[in-house]
Amino acid sequence: MTSTAPPAAEAKRSAREVFTAISGLIVGMFVAVLSGTIVSTSLPVIISDLGGTQSQYTWVITASLLATAITTPIWGKLADLVDRKILVQLSLIIFTAGTVIAGFSTDTNMLIAVRVIQGVGVGGLMSLVMIAVALIISPRERGKYMGVVGGIMALATIGGPLLGGVITDTLGWRANFFVGVPFAIAALLLLQFTLHLPKPAKAKVSIDYFGIVLLAVGVSTLLIWVSMGGNQFDWDSSTSITLAITAGVAIAAFITVEFFVKEPIVPMSLFRNRTFTLSVVASIAIGVSMFATSVFLAQYFQLARGATPTESGLMTIPMIIGQMGASIIIGQLVSRFGKWKGWMVTGSVLTLVGVSLMSTLRYDTPFPFVAVYMFVLGAGLGMVMQNLTLIVQNDTPPSQLGAASSNVNFFRTIAGTIGVTVMGSLLATSVGTYMTDALSVFTPTTPDEISALQNLASGDVPKVSDLPDTIRTVVEAAYGHGIADAFMIAIPLAVLGIIAIAFIKNKPLSTKTSAELLREQAEESAIELAEAEVGSSASTGTIRLSAAESGR
């Protein structure tokens, strides 16, 4: 009998070797973060220039988030079946192509469509990068390295809005979409030459196409229903009822299908794991707060406070410092002491405090107060976001690493997408109500005031700087109050997040990488197979011996 010796355990990598291995991943994430943040401050200008409405403003965001949400578990499932390195490179290429095409958008609808392509690429990057890191670095050590990675991401996150504002004010908003291309090319080269990942076990790839279709139909229909209900049609209209039933049936059918297909997008067996289930609940709460701030802060500063894109980027620095500072510092502390739960509970409480403070915003709230609100919320999100993925990876079998990691991101993105859509719908309704009430007693006296009122009546996102002072104050007050109202939706979800995190089992962080665990499983399987073969041979020999004796 011949047997194949299991692969020898790899020597422990030095810090330099680890950073070399993940350098391409870092640059890839840098491109994704930079491409998102560099556009965030210019988005009000983009929508206004393309003649978009507040509803379209929201859909520019939700189109990308929806594509990211739907494709994240697909990328994650593929990572358990096929070459992960190729998947990372493919997702980066798709993302970069979508970003470049977005720079040539001629109207808001085209921009929304191209954002879907971007979202597909982001779905791959967000899930595959964390999976690759888990294969290289153990949970106990991961916080230390991810803290340093967080510092590099801080450069993209802080520098993006500032650079985007300057580019928009000098070269125009289209130039923002082309800045990340050189970094994307560098990331692809680094990935090719520095990233070496273990190949997944050979298996026939089975894609859950039916589940993909049902998920896309269910979530898309749900978003259309919640974003247009009460505006494009009445909540009790036949259109509303049809959309609600379609969304409900599609989502219920998707859940049912996932129980029976060979390779489900969302393996329902994962929900037997208490850590995974509670982390999903917490991710839902965190996702709404995270995406809401990224979407509505630029609008608050530019539409409620009259800031330029450059000024808007500067004003968001307290939020970024809080988020990235907490991520880096807490990551180091988690790696050093191996304790994570206390920090996550603290972060979830700070998130609740932060969104509660944001719900009190007005157009004339003193900026030092706004800065404190943003810092508190950012610190809370920084303590919780990455650690949720970390504890799920720590308590998941390595064979399901891709599915578990990507599905935490999936539910966070889905929740953020739905949350932003609902909040955007509430914002549009609130702004319209506040402006109508304030302008009902206003009598225009100049051609500029008449023209401004006509433009506001069209529903397009206004250019605040072009409005007459008499109307500008009304618009700024309406947006300030409306954005605060939108943040109120995040408060009960933040409470739910605290409860979920409090009940997650406080399991110690493993000191072994997922690749090492996979090798151990392979060795155990080989030993069990050898023992079974030996037992079978011994049993066969006994039977033959007995037969020979009985024949004498």
Protein backbone atom coordinates (compact mmCIF):
# COMPACT_ATOMS: atom_id res chain seq x y z
CA MET A 1 0.00 0.00 0.00
CA THR A 2 1.33 3.45 -0.90
CA SER A 3 0.42 6.67 0.84
CA THR A 4 1.16 10.28 0.25
CA ALA A 5 2.86 12.03 3.10
CA PRO A 6 1.02 15.10 4.31
CA PRO A 7 2.68 18.39 3.58
CA ALA A 8 5.11 19.54 6.17
CA ALA A 9 4.13 22.41 8.35
CA GLU A 10 5.50 25.70 7.19
CA ALA A 11 7.99 27.60 9.34
CA LYS A 12 6.52 30.55 11.14
CA ARG A 13 6.69 33.61 8.91
CA SER A 14 8.46 36.77 10.01
CA ALA A 15 6.61 40.09 10.05
CA ARG A 16 8.47 41.13 6.89
CA GLU A 17 7.46 37.96 5.07
CA VAL A 18 3.82 38.44 6.11
CA PHE A 19 3.72 42.04 4.87
CA THR A 20 5.38 41.00 1.62
CA ALA A 21 2.74 38.28 1.16
CA ILE A 22 -0.18 40.64 1.73
CA SER A 23 1.29 43.72 -0.02
CA GLY A 24 -0.85 43.21 -3.13
CA LEU A 25 -3.95 42.77 -0.98
CA ILE A 26 -3.18 46.02 0.85
CA VAL A 27 -2.78 47.98 -2.38
CA GLY A 28 -5.96 46.41 -3.78
CA MET A 29 -7.92 47.47 -0.73
CA PHE A 30 -6.28 50.91 -0.95
CA VAL A 31 -7.62 51.27 -4.50
CA ALA A 32 -11.13 50.21 -3.47
CA VAL A 33 -11.25 52.57 -0.47
CA LEU A 34 -9.68 55.49 -2.34
CA SER A 35 -12.03 55.12 -5.32
CA GLY A 36 -15.01 55.24 -2.95
CA THR A 37 -13.91 58.07 -0.66
CA ILE A 38 -12.51 60.26 -3.41
CA VAL A 39 -15.97 60.40 -5.02
CA SER A 40 -17.95 60.80 -1.78
CA THR A 41 -17.37 64.53 -1.40
CA SER A 42 -18.04 65.24 -5.07
CA LEU A 43 -21.25 63.19 -5.31
CA PRO A 44 -23.60 66.12 -4.59
CA VAL A 45 -21.84 68.04 -7.39
CA ILE A 46 -22.01 65.01 -9.73
CA ILE A 47 -25.74 64.50 -9.20
CA SER A 48 -26.44 68.20 -9.59
CA ASP A 49 -24.32 68.38 -12.77
CA LEU A 50 -26.05 65.33 -14.28
CA GLY A 51 -29.49 66.65 -13.33
CA GLY A 52 -30.27 63.89 -10.83
CA THR A 53 -32.89 63.85 -8.08
CA GLN A 54 -32.54 63.01 -4.38
CA SER A 55 -33.94 59.55 -5.15
CA GLN A 56 -31.29 59.03 -7.84
CA TYR A 57 -28.62 60.26 -5.43
CA THR A 58 -29.59 57.44 -3.10
CA TRP A 59 -29.67 54.90 -5.94
CA VAL A 60 -26.15 55.82 -7.05
CA ILE A 61 -25.12 54.53 -3.63
CA THR A 62 -27.53 51.62 -3.29
CA ALA A 63 -26.84 50.25 -6.81
CA SER A 64 -23.23 49.65 -5.87
CA LEU A 65 -24.12 48.33 -2.41
CA LEU A 66 -26.75 45.98 -3.85
CA ALA A 67 -24.30 44.52 -6.36
CA THR A 68 -21.70 44.19 -3.61
CA ALA A 69 -24.19 42.46 -1.31
CA ILE A 70 -25.44 39.97 -3.88
CA THR A 71 -21.99 39.03 -5.18
CA THR A 72 -20.13 38.90 -1.84
CA PRO A 73 -21.39 35.41 -0.84
CA ILE A 74 -20.84 34.22 -4.41
CA TRP A 75 -17.19 35.31 -4.34
CA GLY A 76 -16.86 33.75 -0.89
CA LYS A 77 -18.30 30.45 -2.04
CA LEU A 78 -16.02 30.41 -5.07
CA ALA A 79 -13.08 30.98 -2.71
CA ASP A 80 -13.82 27.60 -1.12
CA LEU A 81 -13.80 25.92 -4.54
CA VAL A 82 -11.34 27.58 -6.95
CA ASP A 83 -8.01 29.47 -6.98
CA ARG A 84 -8.34 32.44 -4.60
CA LYS A 85 -5.48 34.41 -6.14
CA ILE A 86 -7.15 34.46 -9.55
CA LEU A 87 -10.43 35.53 -7.92
CA VAL A 88 -8.77 38.49 -6.17
CA GLN A 89 -7.19 39.64 -9.43
CA LEU A 90 -10.45 39.21 -11.35
CA SER A 91 -12.43 41.24 -8.81
CA LEU A 92 -9.85 44.04 -8.96
CA ILE A 93 -10.01 44.14 -12.77
CA ILE A 94 -13.84 44.29 -12.75
CA PHE A 95 -13.83 47.05 -10.13
CA THR A 96 -11.26 49.14 -11.99
CA ALA A 97 -13.09 48.78 -15.32
CA GLY A 98 -16.36 49.92 -13.73
CA THR A 99 -14.66 52.88 -12.08
CA VAL A 100 -13.09 54.10 -15.34
CA ILE A 101 -16.37 53.78 -17.26
CA ALA A 102 -18.13 55.76 -14.50
CA GLY A 103 -15.87 58.70 -15.32
CA PHE A 104 -17.51 58.94 -18.75
CA SER A 105 -21.12 58.92 -17.46
CA THR A 106 -23.44 61.17 -19.47
CA ASP A 107 -26.44 61.00 -17.15
CA THR A 108 -27.43 59.71 -13.73
CA ASN A 109 -28.96 56.48 -15.05
CA MET A 110 -25.70 55.55 -16.77
CA LEU A 111 -23.79 56.27 -13.57
CA ILE A 112 -26.16 54.06 -11.59
CA ALA A 113 -25.71 51.21 -14.11
CA VAL A 114 -21.93 51.45 -14.04
CA ARG A 115 -21.95 51.52 -10.24
CA VAL A 116 -23.36 48.00 -10.42
CA ILE A 117 -20.15 46.87 -12.18
CA GLN A 118 -18.11 48.57 -9.47
CA GLY A 119 -20.16 46.81 -6.83
CA VAL A 120 -19.45 43.39 -8.32
CA GLY A 121 -15.72 44.06 -8.03
CA VAL A 122 -15.99 45.45 -4.51
CA GLY A 123 -17.93 42.35 -3.44
CA GLY A 124 -14.93 40.26 -4.42
CA LEU A 125 -12.32 42.51 -2.84
CA MET A 126 -14.17 42.89 0.47
CA SER A 127 -14.59 39.16 1.01
CA LEU A 128 -11.53 37.69 -0.72
CA VAL A 129 -9.00 39.95 0.97
CA MET A 130 -10.19 38.91 4.44
CA ILE A 131 -10.21 35.24 3.39
CA ALA A 132 -6.65 35.49 2.05
CA VAL A 133 -5.47 37.20 5.24
CA ALA A 134 -7.09 34.45 7.34
CA LEU A 135 -5.16 31.81 5.38
CA ILE A 136 -1.86 33.57 6.07
CA ILE A 137 -2.24 35.00 9.60
CA SER A 138 -3.69 33.40 12.75
CA PRO A 139 -6.64 35.11 14.53
CA ARG A 140 -4.43 35.97 17.53
CA GLU A 141 -1.86 37.75 15.33
CA ARG A 142 -4.31 39.15 12.81
CA GLY A 143 -5.28 42.19 14.83
CA LYS A 144 -1.67 43.42 14.91
CA TYR A 145 -1.22 43.22 11.16
CA MET A 146 -4.68 44.50 10.35
CA GLY A 147 -3.99 47.47 12.63
CA VAL A 148 -1.06 48.44 10.41
CA VAL A 149 -3.18 47.77 7.34
CA GLY A 150 -5.81 50.01 8.93
CA GLY A 151 -3.25 52.81 9.04
CA ILE A 152 -2.66 52.48 5.30
CA MET A 153 -6.41 52.40 4.75
CA ALA A 154 -6.63 55.56 6.87
CA LEU A 155 -4.42 57.29 4.31
CA ALA A 156 -6.93 56.40 1.58
CA THR A 157 -9.92 57.19 3.77
CA ILE A 158 -8.67 60.54 5.05
CA GLY A 159 -6.85 61.57 1.90
CA GLY A 160 -9.65 60.47 -0.44
CA PRO A 161 -12.26 63.10 0.48
CA LEU A 162 -9.61 65.83 0.59
CA LEU A 163 -8.10 64.83 -2.75
CA GLY A 164 -11.57 64.37 -4.24
CA GLY A 165 -12.63 67.83 -3.13
CA VAL A 166 -9.51 69.48 -4.55
CA ILE A 167 -9.79 67.57 -7.86
CA THR A 168 -13.49 68.43 -8.16
CA ASP A 169 -12.86 72.13 -7.52
CA THR A 170 -9.90 72.29 -9.94
CA LEU A 171 -10.12 69.58 -12.63
CA GLY A 172 -13.79 68.59 -12.42
CA TRP A 173 -15.47 65.55 -10.87
CA ARG A 174 -14.75 63.15 -13.75
CA ALA A 175 -11.04 63.15 -12.96
CA ASN A 176 -11.79 61.50 -9.60
CA PHE A 177 -12.63 58.22 -11.33
CA PHE A 178 -9.22 57.91 -12.99
CA VAL A 179 -6.91 58.55 -10.03
CA GLY A 180 -6.93 54.93 -8.79
CA VAL A 181 -5.94 53.30 -12.10
CA PRO A 182 -2.13 53.40 -11.52
CA PHE A 183 -2.64 51.91 -8.05
CA ALA A 184 -4.83 49.16 -9.51
CA ILE A 185 -2.11 48.21 -12.00
CA ALA A 186 0.46 48.15 -9.19
CA ALA A 187 -1.85 45.95 -7.10
CA LEU A 188 -2.26 43.44 -9.93
CA LEU A 189 1.52 43.15 -10.35
CA LEU A 190 2.09 42.73 -6.62
CA LEU A 191 -0.63 40.10 -6.38
CA GLN A 192 0.97 38.16 -9.20
CA PHE A 193 4.45 38.05 -7.69
CA THR A 194 3.94 38.18 -3.90
CA LEU A 195 0.67 36.45 -3.04
CA HIS A 196 0.94 32.68 -2.59
CA LEU A 197 -2.14 30.94 -1.19
CA PRO A 198 -2.89 27.25 -0.64
CA LYS A 199 -5.10 25.79 -3.32
CA PRO A 200 -8.56 24.69 -2.17
CA ALA A 201 -9.34 20.98 -2.22
CA LYS A 202 -10.17 19.82 -5.71
CA ALA A 203 -13.90 19.59 -6.15
CA LYS A 204 -16.40 19.99 -8.92
CA VAL A 205 -17.56 23.60 -8.91
CA SER A 206 -21.33 23.88 -8.55
CA ILE A 207 -22.83 27.38 -8.76
CA ASP A 208 -26.25 28.06 -7.25
CA TYR A 209 -27.60 30.00 -10.23
CA PHE A 210 -31.22 29.66 -9.12
CA GLY A 211 -30.34 31.06 -5.71
CA ILE A 212 -28.50 33.98 -7.31
CA VAL A 213 -31.55 34.90 -9.39
CA LEU A 214 -33.95 34.62 -6.46
CA LEU A 215 -31.67 36.68 -4.23
CA ALA A 216 -31.25 39.42 -6.85
CA VAL A 217 -35.00 39.58 -7.54
CA GLY A 218 -35.97 39.53 -3.88
CA VAL A 219 -33.55 42.19 -2.65
CA SER A 220 -33.92 44.45 -5.72
CA THR A 221 -37.71 44.39 -5.50
CA LEU A 222 -37.57 45.07 -1.78
CA LEU A 223 -35.34 48.11 -2.34
CA ILE A 224 -37.57 49.47 -5.10
CA TRP A 225 -40.58 49.06 -2.81
CA VAL A 226 -39.08 50.81 0.22
CA SER A 227 -37.41 53.60 -1.79
CA MET A 228 -40.38 54.55 -3.97
CA GLY A 229 -43.27 53.74 -1.62
CA GLY A 230 -45.13 56.82 -0.47
CA ASN A 231 -43.48 58.85 -3.23
CA GLN A 232 -43.89 57.25 -6.66
CA PHE A 233 -46.94 55.28 -5.48
CA ASP A 234 -49.10 54.99 -2.36
CA TRP A 235 -48.23 52.33 0.21
CA ASP A 236 -51.67 50.73 -0.13
CA SER A 237 -51.72 50.83 -3.95
CA SER A 238 -51.74 47.73 -6.15
CA THR A 239 -48.17 48.51 -7.27
CA SER A 240 -46.97 48.59 -3.67
CA ILE A 241 -48.74 45.34 -2.79
CA THR A 242 -47.39 43.60 -5.90
CA LEU A 243 -43.81 44.64 -5.13
CA ALA A 244 -44.11 43.59 -1.49
CA ILE A 245 -45.51 40.17 -2.36
CA THR A 246 -42.90 39.62 -5.10
CA ALA A 247 -40.06 40.51 -2.73
CA GLY A 248 -41.44 38.29 0.04
CA VAL A 249 -42.01 35.29 -2.22
CA ALA A 250 -38.58 35.59 -3.87
CA ILE A 251 -36.74 35.87 -0.53
CA ALA A 252 -38.74 32.96 0.97
CA ALA A 253 -38.00 30.86 -2.14
CA PHE A 254 -34.29 31.74 -1.88
CA ILE A 255 -34.15 30.56 1.73
CA THR A 256 -35.91 27.33 0.80
CA VAL A 257 -33.60 26.66 -2.15
CA GLU A 258 -30.52 27.15 0.04
CA PHE A 259 -31.52 24.13 2.13
CA PHE A 260 -31.44 21.77 -0.85
CA VAL A 261 -28.78 22.86 -3.36
CA LYS A 262 -25.35 21.21 -3.32
CA GLU A 263 -23.34 24.43 -2.93
CA PRO A 264 -25.63 27.11 -1.45
CA ILE A 265 -24.67 30.78 -1.59
CA VAL A 266 -25.72 31.17 2.04
CA PRO A 267 -25.26 27.78 3.76
CA MET A 268 -28.08 27.58 6.30
CA SER A 269 -25.92 25.25 8.41
CA LEU A 270 -23.86 28.31 9.37
CA PHE A 271 -26.76 29.57 11.46
CA ARG A 272 -26.33 26.62 13.81
CA ASN A 273 -23.20 28.40 14.96
CA ARG A 274 -24.17 30.86 17.70
CA THR A 275 -21.20 33.12 17.02
CA PHE A 276 -22.05 33.40 13.33
CA THR A 277 -25.76 34.07 13.93
CA LEU A 278 -25.20 36.77 16.56
CA SER A 279 -22.42 38.33 14.48
CA VAL A 280 -24.84 38.58 11.55
CA VAL A 281 -27.35 40.40 13.77
CA ALA A 282 -24.63 42.77 14.97
CA SER A 283 -23.41 43.28 11.39
CA ILE A 284 -26.89 44.36 10.37
CA ALA A 285 -26.89 47.05 13.05
CA ILE A 286 -23.35 48.21 12.26
CA GLY A 287 -23.94 48.16 8.50
CA VAL A 288 -26.75 50.70 8.64
CA SER A 289 -24.73 53.13 10.78
CA MET A 290 -21.59 52.71 8.68
CA PHE A 291 -23.15 53.22 5.26
CA ALA A 292 -25.48 55.97 6.46
CA THR A 293 -22.60 58.13 7.63
CA SER A 294 -20.63 57.62 4.42
CA VAL A 295 -23.66 58.56 2.31
CA PHE A 296 -25.24 61.42 4.23
CA LEU A 297 -22.28 63.29 5.74
CA ALA A 298 -21.26 64.76 2.37
CA GLN A 299 -24.84 65.90 1.82
CA TYR A 300 -25.01 67.39 5.31
CA PHE A 301 -21.86 69.47 4.88
CA GLN A 302 -22.55 70.61 1.31
CA LEU A 303 -26.34 70.98 1.33
CA ALA A 304 -27.01 71.88 4.98
CA ARG A 305 -23.86 73.89 5.71
CA GLY A 306 -23.00 75.20 2.22
CA ALA A 307 -19.47 73.75 2.18
CA THR A 308 -17.46 73.16 -0.97
CA PRO A 309 -16.33 69.59 -1.77
CA THR A 310 -12.85 70.40 -0.43
CA GLU A 311 -14.27 71.84 2.79
CA SER A 312 -16.60 68.85 3.09
CA GLY A 313 -13.62 66.50 2.91
CA LEU A 314 -11.83 68.43 5.65
CA MET A 315 -14.91 68.39 7.86
CA THR A 316 -15.14 64.58 7.82
CA ILE A 317 -11.65 64.12 9.30
CA PRO A 318 -12.89 63.68 12.93
CA MET A 319 -15.04 60.74 11.80
CA ILE A 320 -12.14 59.10 9.99
CA ILE A 321 -9.68 59.69 12.83
CA GLY A 322 -12.11 58.10 15.28
CA GLN A 323 -12.78 55.09 13.06
CA MET A 324 -9.24 54.37 11.90
CA GLY A 325 -7.63 55.29 15.21
CA ALA A 326 -9.86 52.86 17.09
CA SER A 327 -9.32 50.15 14.47
CA ILE A 328 -5.52 50.41 14.68
CA ILE A 329 -5.22 50.77 18.46
CA ILE A 330 -7.80 48.13 19.37
CA GLY A 331 -6.36 45.75 16.76
CA GLN A 332 -2.98 45.98 18.46
CA LEU A 333 -4.50 45.44 21.91
CA VAL A 334 -6.54 42.43 20.75
CA SER A 335 -3.41 40.79 19.32
CA ARG A 336 -1.32 41.54 22.40
CA PHE A 337 -3.76 40.32 25.05
CA GLY A 338 -6.11 38.07 23.07
CA LYS A 339 -9.19 39.81 24.56
CA TRP A 340 -11.84 41.10 22.19
CA LYS A 341 -15.29 41.09 23.78
CA GLY A 342 -14.89 44.08 26.09
CA TRP A 343 -13.72 46.26 23.22
CA MET A 344 -16.60 45.16 21.00
CA VAL A 345 -19.22 45.84 23.65
CA THR A 346 -17.66 49.27 24.24
CA GLY A 347 -17.66 49.93 20.50
CA SER A 348 -21.31 48.98 20.12
CA VAL A 349 -22.24 51.35 22.96
CA LEU A 350 -20.25 54.18 21.35
CA THR A 351 -22.05 53.46 18.06
CA LEU A 352 -25.42 53.90 19.79
CA VAL A 353 -24.26 57.14 21.40
CA GLY A 354 -22.88 58.35 18.06
CA VAL A 355 -26.03 57.78 15.98
CA SER A 356 -28.15 59.27 18.78
CA LEU A 357 -26.02 62.43 18.69
CA MET A 358 -26.18 62.54 14.88
CA SER A 359 -29.97 62.52 15.09
CA THR A 360 -29.80 65.93 16.81
CA LEU A 361 -27.97 67.67 13.94
CA ARG A 362 -29.23 70.95 12.54
CA TYR A 363 -27.81 73.16 9.82
CA ASP A 364 -26.46 75.58 12.42
CA THR A 365 -25.13 73.06 14.98
CA PRO A 366 -21.68 74.37 16.06
CA PHE A 367 -19.02 72.43 14.18
CA PRO A 368 -17.03 71.45 17.33
CA PHE A 369 -20.15 69.58 18.48
CA VAL A 370 -20.53 67.93 15.06
CA ALA A 371 -16.85 66.90 15.19
CA VAL A 372 -17.35 65.23 18.58
CA TYR A 373 -20.45 63.41 17.31
CA MET A 374 -18.52 62.08 14.29
CA PHE A 375 -15.50 61.05 16.37
CA VAL A 376 -17.63 59.07 18.83
CA LEU A 377 -19.51 57.28 16.05
CA GLY A 378 -16.30 56.60 14.13
CA ALA A 379 -14.57 55.15 17.20
CA GLY A 380 -17.52 52.84 17.84
CA LEU A 381 -17.56 51.55 14.27
CA GLY A 382 -13.77 51.09 14.27
CA MET A 383 -13.91 48.90 17.38
CA VAL A 384 -16.59 46.59 16.01
CA MET A 385 -16.42 46.26 12.22
CA GLN A 386 -13.27 44.21 11.57
CA ASN A 387 -13.54 42.32 14.85
CA LEU A 388 -16.90 40.86 13.82
CA THR A 389 -15.25 39.13 10.88
CA LEU A 390 -12.32 38.11 13.09
CA ILE A 391 -14.44 36.28 15.70
CA VAL A 392 -16.49 34.51 13.01
CA GLN A 393 -13.32 33.27 11.31
CA ASN A 394 -12.02 32.18 14.73
CA ASP A 395 -15.09 30.01 15.36
CA THR A 396 -15.69 28.57 11.88
CA PRO A 397 -14.29 25.35 10.33
CA PRO A 398 -11.63 26.29 7.75
CA SER A 399 -13.55 24.42 5.04
CA GLN A 400 -16.35 27.00 5.42
CA LEU A 401 -14.07 30.00 5.91
CA GLY A 402 -15.01 31.66 2.62
CA ALA A 403 -18.76 31.23 3.07
CA ALA A 404 -18.74 32.39 6.71
CA SER A 405 -16.51 35.43 6.15
CA SER A 406 -18.34 36.61 3.04
CA ASN A 407 -21.78 36.13 4.56
CA VAL A 408 -21.00 38.37 7.52
CA ASN A 409 -20.07 41.06 4.97
CA PHE A 410 -23.09 40.08 2.89
CA PHE A 411 -25.61 40.71 5.65
CA ARG A 412 -23.85 43.91 6.71
CA THR A 413 -23.99 45.22 3.14
CA ILE A 414 -27.59 44.11 2.60
CA ALA A 415 -28.62 45.82 5.83
CA GLY A 416 -26.65 48.92 4.90
CA THR A 417 -28.22 48.96 1.44
CA ILE A 418 -31.77 48.65 2.74
CA GLY A 419 -31.03 51.07 5.57
CA VAL A 420 -29.57 53.72 3.27
CA THR A 421 -32.50 53.30 0.87
CA VAL A 422 -35.06 53.72 3.64
CA MET A 423 -33.14 56.63 5.16
CA GLY A 424 -32.78 58.26 1.74
CA SER A 425 -36.51 57.92 1.14
CA LEU A 426 -37.24 59.44 4.55
CA LEU A 427 -34.75 62.24 3.86
CA ALA A 428 -36.37 63.10 0.52
CA THR A 429 -39.82 63.18 2.13
CA SER A 430 -38.66 65.18 5.15
CA VAL A 431 -36.75 67.73 3.08
CA GLY A 432 -39.75 68.24 0.82
CA THR A 433 -42.06 68.69 3.82
CA TYR A 434 -39.75 71.11 5.64
CA MET A 435 -39.17 73.23 2.52
CA THR A 436 -42.88 73.27 1.61
CA ASP A 437 -43.84 74.41 5.12
CA ALA A 438 -41.15 77.10 5.21
CA LEU A 439 -41.79 78.40 1.70
CA SER A 440 -45.60 78.35 1.96
CA VAL A 441 -45.51 81.87 3.41
CA PHE A 442 -42.65 83.06 1.19
CA THR A 443 -43.37 85.43 -1.70
CA PRO A 444 -40.63 85.70 -4.34
CA THR A 445 -39.72 89.26 -5.30
CA THR A 446 -36.87 88.78 -7.78
CA PRO A 447 -36.34 86.72 -10.96
CA ASP A 448 -33.58 84.78 -9.18
CA GLU A 449 -35.97 83.75 -6.40
CA ILE A 450 -38.63 82.68 -8.92
CA SER A 451 -36.09 80.62 -10.89
CA ALA A 452 -34.76 79.03 -7.68
CA LEU A 453 -38.25 77.99 -6.59
CA GLN A 454 -38.93 76.43 -9.99
CA ASN A 455 -35.72 74.40 -9.79
CA LEU A 456 -36.58 73.22 -6.27
CA ALA A 457 -40.01 72.14 -7.45
CA SER A 458 -38.41 69.81 -10.01
CA GLY A 459 -37.00 67.66 -7.21
CA ASP A 460 -33.39 67.90 -8.44
CA VAL A 461 -30.61 68.15 -5.86
CA PRO A 462 -29.96 71.91 -5.62
CA LYS A 463 -26.67 73.79 -5.96
CA VAL A 464 -26.84 75.56 -2.64
CA SER A 465 -24.17 78.11 -3.55
CA ASP A 466 -26.30 79.36 -6.48
CA LEU A 467 -29.45 79.97 -4.41
CA PRO A 468 -30.52 83.44 -3.25
CA ASP A 469 -29.78 83.97 0.44
CA THR A 470 -33.47 84.14 1.33
CA ILE A 471 -34.07 80.64 -0.05
CA ARG A 472 -30.65 79.19 0.73
CA THR A 473 -31.26 79.32 4.49
CA VAL A 474 -34.56 77.47 4.07
CA VAL A 475 -32.92 74.71 1.99
CA GLU A 476 -30.00 74.33 4.40
CA ALA A 477 -32.34 74.09 7.38
CA ALA A 478 -34.48 71.50 5.59
CA TYR A 479 -31.51 69.27 4.73
CA GLY A 480 -29.99 69.63 8.20
CA HIS A 481 -33.21 68.60 9.92
CA GLY A 482 -34.01 65.90 7.34
CA ILE A 483 -30.62 64.19 7.66
CA ALA A 484 -30.99 64.18 11.46
CA ASP A 485 -34.40 62.53 11.10
CA ALA A 486 -32.87 59.85 8.86
CA PHE A 487 -30.31 58.92 11.54
CA MET A 488 -33.11 58.13 13.98
CA ILE A 489 -33.72 54.89 12.07
CA ALA A 490 -30.26 53.66 13.12
CA ILE A 491 -30.90 54.08 16.87
CA PRO A 492 -33.03 50.95 17.55
CA LEU A 493 -30.73 48.90 15.32
CA ALA A 494 -27.72 50.07 17.36
CA VAL A 495 -29.48 48.86 20.51
CA LEU A 496 -30.00 45.47 18.84
CA GLY A 497 -26.29 45.38 18.02
CA ILE A 498 -25.33 45.84 21.68
CA ILE A 499 -27.58 42.96 22.73
CA ALA A 500 -26.22 40.63 20.02
CA ILE A 501 -22.57 41.31 20.85
CA ALA A 502 -23.22 40.87 24.58
CA PHE A 503 -24.44 37.29 23.97
CA ILE A 504 -21.60 36.18 21.63
CA LYS A 505 -19.51 33.45 23.26
CA ASN A 506 -16.18 34.82 24.47
CA LYS A 507 -14.01 32.22 22.71
CA PRO A 508 -10.20 32.65 22.93
CA LEU A 509 -8.50 33.56 19.66
CA SER A 510 -6.67 30.72 17.93
CA THR A 511 -2.93 30.94 17.33
CA LYS A 512 -3.11 28.83 14.14
CA THR A 513 -3.78 30.08 10.64
CA SER A 514 -6.61 28.63 8.59
CA ALA A 515 -4.03 27.08 6.23
CA GLU A 516 -2.47 25.24 9.19
CA LEU A 517 -5.88 24.01 10.33
CA LEU A 518 -6.63 22.77 6.82
CA ARG A 519 -3.32 20.86 6.80
CA GLU A 520 -4.15 19.29 10.16
CA GLN A 521 -7.53 18.19 8.83
CA ALA A 522 -5.85 16.70 5.75
CA GLU A 523 -3.36 14.82 7.97
CA GLU A 524 -6.15 13.50 10.21
CA SER A 525 -8.13 12.36 7.16
CA ALA A 526 -5.06 10.59 5.77
CA ILE A 527 -4.45 8.81 9.10
CA GLU A 528 -8.11 7.78 9.38
CA LEU A 529 -8.04 6.47 5.80
CA ALA A 530 -4.86 4.49 6.47
CA GLU A 531 -6.31 3.02 9.66
CA ALA A 532 -9.49 2.08 7.81
CA GLU A 533 -7.47 0.36 5.09
CA VAL A 534 -5.40 -1.53 7.68
CA GLY A 535 -8.56 -2.57 9.53
CA SER A 536 -10.16 -3.72 6.30
CA SER A 537 -7.09 -5.77 5.36
CA ALA A 538 -6.95 -7.39 8.80
CA SER A 539 -10.64 -8.19 8.64
CA THR A 540 -10.27 -9.74 5.20
CA GLY A 541 -7.32 -11.84 6.38
CA THR A 542 -9.32 -13.15 9.33
CA ILE A 543 -12.19 -14.16 7.08
CA ARG A 544 -9.86 -16.01 4.72
CA LEU A 545 -8.18 -17.79 7.63
CA SER A 546 -11.53 -18.88 9.02
CA ALA A 547 -12.61 -20.19 5.64
CA ALA A 548 -9.42 -22.20 5.27
CA GLU A 549 -9.82 -23.77 8.69
CA SER A 550 -13.43 -24.74 8.02
CA GLY A 551 -12.41 -26.44 4.77
CA ARG A 552 -9.99 -28.85 6.49
